[in-house]
């Protein structure tokens, strides 16, 4: 996509990136390691400076300000409440076509794996996509974006392009 991707494992590496994608995985592990390595304060500083951040699945949990019954560290960047594993276990994973006006009229095929649910958003958070029942699954707050699903598991790059536009790249 014309950008160089690098792994960020230390706080000082955040100074070298214009944007950060916090991927899916295990939110407990992400939070514990981010706290252990001192990444959370530096991440908050860089966001204050205007760095764009996109949390996908577990990454969305990590950037939320509220995660009920989750006693592990979170970055608390985005004004939303996220419920972990809200759609069930691994066996309950599913795929849906979503309407996301911000990326165009064609549906986006989304892959949900042990996905979190975005239960509440603050007044400055724009809802980008919902499931048929109204459940929020993609949001935007300034230069922060969160998705409950894994867009990297499809060949559709439109959400990645949208994120890069937020980052000014």
C-alpha atoms as a PDB file:
ATOM      1  CA  UNK A   1       0.000   0.000   0.000  1.00  0.00           C
ATOM      2  CA  UNK A   2       3.004   2.271  -0.300  1.00  0.00           C
ATOM      3  CA  UNK A   3       3.870   2.460   3.396  1.00  0.00           C
ATOM      4  CA  UNK A   4       6.524   0.685   5.414  1.00  0.00           C
ATOM      5  CA  UNK A   5       5.167  -1.416   8.270  1.00  0.00           C
ATOM      6  CA  UNK A   6       7.330  -1.967  11.347  1.00  0.00           C
ATOM      7  CA  UNK A   7       6.830  -3.832  14.606  1.00  0.00           C
ATOM      8  CA  UNK A   8       6.573  -1.568  17.647  1.00  0.00           C
ATOM      9  CA  UNK A   9       7.755  -3.259  20.828  1.00  0.00           C
ATOM     10  CA  UNK A  10       9.303  -0.406  22.820  1.00  0.00           C
ATOM     11  CA  UNK A  11       7.942   3.039  23.777  1.00  0.00           C
ATOM     12  CA  UNK A  12      10.720   4.923  21.970  1.00  0.00           C
ATOM     13  CA  UNK A  13       9.721   3.261  18.687  1.00  0.00           C
ATOM     14  CA  UNK A  14       6.433   5.192  18.787  1.00  0.00           C
ATOM     15  CA  UNK A  15       8.426   8.332  17.941  1.00  0.00           C
ATOM     16  CA  UNK A  16       9.357   6.760  14.607  1.00  0.00           C
ATOM     17  CA  UNK A  17       5.845   5.979  13.341  1.00  0.00           C
ATOM     18  CA  UNK A  18       3.104   8.198  11.971  1.00  0.00           C
ATOM     19  CA  UNK A  19       0.306   5.751  12.699  1.00  0.00           C
ATOM     20  CA  UNK A  20      -0.194   2.573  14.694  1.00  0.00           C
ATOM     21  CA  UNK A  21      -2.416  -0.449  14.191  1.00  0.00           C
ATOM     22  CA  UNK A  22      -2.990  -2.457  17.355  1.00  0.00           C
ATOM     23  CA  UNK A  23      -4.056  -5.865  16.058  1.00  0.00           C
ATOM     24  CA  UNK A  24      -6.289  -8.621  17.259  1.00  0.00           C
ATOM     25  CA  UNK A  25      -4.979 -11.284  19.570  1.00  0.00           C
ATOM     26  CA  UNK A  26      -5.401 -11.421  23.327  1.00  0.00           C
ATOM     27  CA  UNK A  27      -6.292  -8.100  24.959  1.00  0.00           C
ATOM     28  CA  UNK A  28      -5.053  -9.260  28.361  1.00  0.00           C
ATOM     29  CA  UNK A  29      -1.601 -10.005  26.948  1.00  0.00           C
ATOM     30  CA  UNK A  30      -1.500  -6.784  24.928  1.00  0.00           C
ATOM     31  CA  UNK A  31      -2.362  -4.730  28.033  1.00  0.00           C
ATOM     32  CA  UNK A  32       0.037  -6.507  30.358  1.00  0.00           C
ATOM     33  CA  UNK A  33       2.970  -6.251  27.947  1.00  0.00           C
ATOM     34  CA  UNK A  34       2.188  -2.622  27.076  1.00  0.00           C
ATOM     35  CA  UNK A  35       2.196  -1.780  30.789  1.00  0.00           C
ATOM     36  CA  UNK A  36       5.318  -3.836  31.519  1.00  0.00           C
ATOM     37  CA  UNK A  37       7.293  -2.147  28.735  1.00  0.00           C
ATOM     38  CA  UNK A  38       6.000   1.355  29.489  1.00  0.00           C
ATOM     39  CA  UNK A  39       4.222   1.762  26.163  1.00  0.00           C
ATOM     40  CA  UNK A  40       0.912   3.126  27.483  1.00  0.00           C
ATOM     41  CA  UNK A  41       2.147   6.583  28.636  1.00  0.00           C
ATOM     42  CA  UNK A  42       4.138   7.072  25.431  1.00  0.00           C
ATOM     43  CA  UNK A  43       1.179   5.952  23.326  1.00  0.00           C
ATOM     44  CA  UNK A  44      -1.087   8.464  25.079  1.00  0.00           C
ATOM     45  CA  UNK A  45       1.513  11.189  24.501  1.00  0.00           C
ATOM     46  CA  UNK A  46       1.788  10.392  20.789  1.00  0.00           C
ATOM     47  CA  UNK A  47      -2.011  10.357  20.400  1.00  0.00           C
ATOM     48  CA  UNK A  48      -2.143  13.796  22.057  1.00  0.00           C
ATOM     49  CA  UNK A  49       0.413  14.906  19.445  1.00  0.00           C
ATOM     50  CA  UNK A  50      -1.907  13.688  16.675  1.00  0.00           C
ATOM     51  CA  UNK A  51      -0.751  10.164  15.882  1.00  0.00           C
ATOM     52  CA  UNK A  52      -3.464   7.980  14.359  1.00  0.00           C
ATOM     53  CA  UNK A  53      -4.298   4.655  16.021  1.00  0.00           C
ATOM     54  CA  UNK A  54      -6.493   1.805  14.814  1.00  0.00           C
ATOM     55  CA  UNK A  55      -7.474  -1.000  17.160  1.00  0.00           C
ATOM     56  CA  UNK A  56      -8.845  -4.152  15.566  1.00  0.00           C
ATOM     57  CA  UNK A  57     -10.634  -6.731  17.738  1.00  0.00           C
ATOM     58  CA  UNK A  58      -8.359  -7.060  20.820  1.00  0.00           C
ATOM     59  CA  UNK A  59      -6.762  -3.768  19.784  1.00  0.00           C
ATOM     60  CA  UNK A  60     -10.191  -2.125  20.035  1.00  0.00           C
ATOM     61  CA  UNK A  61     -10.488  -3.445  23.586  1.00  0.00           C
ATOM     62  CA  UNK A  62      -7.048  -2.065  24.439  1.00  0.00           C
ATOM     63  CA  UNK A  63      -7.818   1.484  23.211  1.00  0.00           C
ATOM     64  CA  UNK A  64     -11.260   1.716  24.875  1.00  0.00           C
ATOM     65  CA  UNK A  65     -11.811   3.864  27.963  1.00  0.00           C
ATOM     66  CA  UNK A  66     -14.106   1.275  29.563  1.00  0.00           C
ATOM     67  CA  UNK A  67     -13.927  -2.527  29.474  1.00  0.00           C
ATOM     68  CA  UNK A  68     -16.219  -4.022  32.150  1.00  0.00           C
ATOM     69  CA  UNK A  69     -14.863  -7.016  34.085  1.00  0.00           C
ATOM     70  CA  UNK A  70     -11.407  -6.601  32.515  1.00  0.00           C
ATOM     71  CA  UNK A  71      -8.966  -5.798  35.336  1.00  0.00           C
ATOM     72  CA  UNK A  72      -5.940  -5.586  33.032  1.00  0.00           C
ATOM     73  CA  UNK A  73      -4.239  -2.437  31.700  1.00  0.00           C
ATOM     74  CA  UNK A  74      -5.815  -0.589  28.791  1.00  0.00           C
ATOM     75  CA  UNK A  75      -4.664   2.544  26.991  1.00  0.00           C
ATOM     76  CA  UNK A  76      -7.988   4.354  27.478  1.00  0.00           C
ATOM     77  CA  UNK A  77      -7.738   6.404  24.278  1.00  0.00           C
ATOM     78  CA  UNK A  78     -11.204   6.184  22.738  1.00  0.00           C
ATOM     79  CA  UNK A  79     -14.459   7.159  24.459  1.00  0.00           C
ATOM     80  CA  UNK A  80     -16.257   3.838  24.239  1.00  0.00           C
ATOM     81  CA  UNK A  81     -17.268   0.846  26.306  1.00  0.00           C
ATOM     82  CA  UNK A  82     -16.230  -2.494  24.833  1.00  0.00           C
ATOM     83  CA  UNK A  83     -17.344  -5.937  26.007  1.00  0.00           C
ATOM     84  CA  UNK A  84     -14.855  -8.752  25.406  1.00  0.00           C
ATOM     85  CA  UNK A  85     -15.901 -11.941  23.587  1.00  0.00           C
ATOM     86  CA  UNK A  86     -19.438 -10.584  23.343  1.00  0.00           C
ATOM     87  CA  UNK A  87     -20.374 -12.748  20.395  1.00  0.00           C
ATOM     88  CA  UNK A  88     -19.261 -15.984  22.026  1.00  0.00           C
ATOM     89  CA  UNK A  89     -16.424 -18.454  21.774  1.00  0.00           C
ATOM     90  CA  UNK A  90     -14.111 -19.264  18.869  1.00  0.00           C
ATOM     91  CA  UNK A  91     -16.736 -21.662  17.489  1.00  0.00           C
ATOM     92  CA  UNK A  92     -19.191 -18.735  17.319  1.00  0.00           C
ATOM     93  CA  UNK A  93     -17.019 -16.744  14.902  1.00  0.00           C
ATOM     94  CA  UNK A  94     -18.856 -15.423  11.847  1.00  0.00           C
ATOM     95  CA  UNK A  95     -18.632 -13.270   8.732  1.00  0.00           C
ATOM     96  CA  UNK A  96     -20.935 -10.448   7.579  1.00  0.00           C
ATOM     97  CA  UNK A  97     -21.106  -7.922   4.782  1.00  0.00           C
ATOM     98  CA  UNK A  98     -21.206  -4.426   6.269  1.00  0.00           C
ATOM     99  CA  UNK A  99     -22.281  -1.095   4.885  1.00  0.00           C
ATOM    100  CA  UNK A 100     -19.535   1.446   5.668  1.00  0.00           C
ATOM    101  CA  UNK A 101     -20.315   4.746   3.943  1.00  0.00           C
ATOM    102  CA  UNK A 102     -16.878   6.184   4.774  1.00  0.00           C
ATOM    103  CA  UNK A 103     -15.199   3.705   2.412  1.00  0.00           C
ATOM    104  CA  UNK A 104     -17.764   3.612  -0.408  1.00  0.00           C
ATOM    105  CA  UNK A 105     -21.022   2.008  -1.494  1.00  0.00           C
ATOM    106  CA  UNK A 106     -19.760  -1.577  -1.866  1.00  0.00           C
ATOM    107  CA  UNK A 107     -20.241  -3.798   1.214  1.00  0.00           C
ATOM    108  CA  UNK A 108     -17.176  -4.687   3.267  1.00  0.00           C
ATOM    109  CA  UNK A 109     -16.852  -8.383   4.083  1.00  0.00           C
ATOM    110  CA  UNK A 110     -15.998  -8.513   7.811  1.00  0.00           C
ATOM    111  CA  UNK A 111     -14.565 -11.475   9.735  1.00  0.00           C
ATOM    112  CA  UNK A 112     -15.493 -11.667  13.437  1.00  0.00           C
ATOM    113  CA  UNK A 113     -13.394 -14.001  15.613  1.00  0.00           C
ATOM    114  CA  UNK A 114     -14.207 -14.028  19.357  1.00  0.00           C
ATOM    115  CA  UNK A 115     -15.155 -10.455  18.649  1.00  0.00           C
ATOM    116  CA  UNK A 116     -15.763  -7.657  21.128  1.00  0.00           C
ATOM    117  CA  UNK A 117     -18.943  -5.618  21.061  1.00  0.00           C
ATOM    118  CA  UNK A 118     -18.885  -1.821  21.173  1.00  0.00           C
ATOM    119  CA  UNK A 119     -21.609  -1.277  23.752  1.00  0.00           C
ATOM    120  CA  UNK A 120     -21.402   2.508  24.175  1.00  0.00           C
ATOM    121  CA  UNK A 121     -19.778   5.412  22.391  1.00  0.00           C
ATOM    122  CA  UNK A 122     -19.191   8.941  23.597  1.00  0.00           C
ATOM    123  CA  UNK A 123     -20.586  12.061  21.937  1.00  0.00           C
ATOM    124  CA  UNK A 124     -17.435  12.636  19.848  1.00  0.00           C
ATOM    125  CA  UNK A 125     -17.377   9.092  18.465  1.00  0.00           C
ATOM    126  CA  UNK A 126     -18.808   8.482  15.000  1.00  0.00           C
ATOM    127  CA  UNK A 127     -20.337   5.090  14.299  1.00  0.00           C
ATOM    128  CA  UNK A 128     -18.976   3.766  10.987  1.00  0.00           C
ATOM    129  CA  UNK A 129     -20.736   0.389  10.868  1.00  0.00           C
ATOM    130  CA  UNK A 130     -23.381  -1.676  12.613  1.00  0.00           C
ATOM    131  CA  UNK A 131     -24.647  -5.212  12.278  1.00  0.00           C
ATOM    132  CA  UNK A 132     -28.232  -5.774  11.109  1.00  0.00           C
ATOM    133  CA  UNK A 133     -29.471  -5.701  14.724  1.00  0.00           C
ATOM    134  CA  UNK A 134     -27.870  -2.298  15.375  1.00  0.00           C
ATOM    135  CA  UNK A 135     -24.786  -3.588  17.200  1.00  0.00           C
ATOM    136  CA  UNK A 136     -21.883  -1.175  16.721  1.00  0.00           C
ATOM    137  CA  UNK A 137     -18.821  -2.797  15.120  1.00  0.00           C
ATOM    138  CA  UNK A 138     -16.729   0.097  13.746  1.00  0.00           C
ATOM    139  CA  UNK A 139     -16.150   3.609  15.102  1.00  0.00           C
ATOM    140  CA  UNK A 140     -14.068   6.721  14.571  1.00  0.00           C
ATOM    141  CA  UNK A 141     -13.028   9.444  17.006  1.00  0.00           C
ATOM    142  CA  UNK A 142     -10.811  12.031  15.356  1.00  0.00           C
ATOM    143  CA  UNK A 143      -7.716  10.093  14.288  1.00  0.00           C
ATOM    144  CA  UNK A 144      -8.657   7.009  16.311  1.00  0.00           C
ATOM    145  CA  UNK A 145     -10.464   4.090  14.703  1.00  0.00           C
ATOM    146  CA  UNK A 146     -11.704   0.802  16.154  1.00  0.00           C
ATOM    147  CA  UNK A 147     -13.222  -2.280  14.564  1.00  0.00           C
ATOM    148  CA  UNK A 148     -14.652  -5.367  16.251  1.00  0.00           C
ATOM    149  CA  UNK A 149     -13.622  -7.475  13.285  1.00  0.00           C
ATOM    150  CA  UNK A 150     -10.412  -8.430  11.467  1.00  0.00           C
ATOM    151  CA  UNK A 151     -10.158  -6.429   8.205  1.00  0.00           C
ATOM    152  CA  UNK A 152      -6.684  -7.847   7.561  1.00  0.00           C
ATOM    153  CA  UNK A 153      -8.241 -11.256   6.858  1.00  0.00           C
ATOM    154  CA  UNK A 154      -9.836 -10.107   3.610  1.00  0.00           C
ATOM    155  CA  UNK A 155      -8.292  -8.812   0.376  1.00  0.00           C
ATOM    156  CA  UNK A 156     -10.349  -5.597   0.672  1.00  0.00           C
ATOM    157  CA  UNK A 157      -7.962  -2.758   1.541  1.00  0.00           C
ATOM    158  CA  UNK A 158     -10.497   0.071   1.774  1.00  0.00           C
ATOM    159  CA  UNK A 159     -10.478   0.313   5.580  1.00  0.00           C
ATOM    160  CA  UNK A 160      -6.689   0.318   5.564  1.00  0.00           C
ATOM    161  CA  UNK A 161      -6.761   3.074   2.932  1.00  0.00           C
ATOM    162  CA  UNK A 162      -9.227   5.041   5.061  1.00  0.00           C
ATOM    163  CA  UNK A 163      -6.962   4.685   8.085  1.00  0.00           C
ATOM    164  CA  UNK A 164      -3.945   5.836   6.105  1.00  0.00           C
ATOM    165  CA  UNK A 165      -5.905   8.904   4.984  1.00  0.00           C
ATOM    166  CA  UNK A 166      -6.614   9.711   8.645  1.00  0.00           C
ATOM    167  CA  UNK A 167      -2.882   9.496   9.286  1.00  0.00           C
ATOM    168  CA  UNK A 168      -2.157  11.803   6.365  1.00  0.00           C
ATOM    169  CA  UNK A 169      -0.100   9.219   4.497  1.00  0.00           C
END
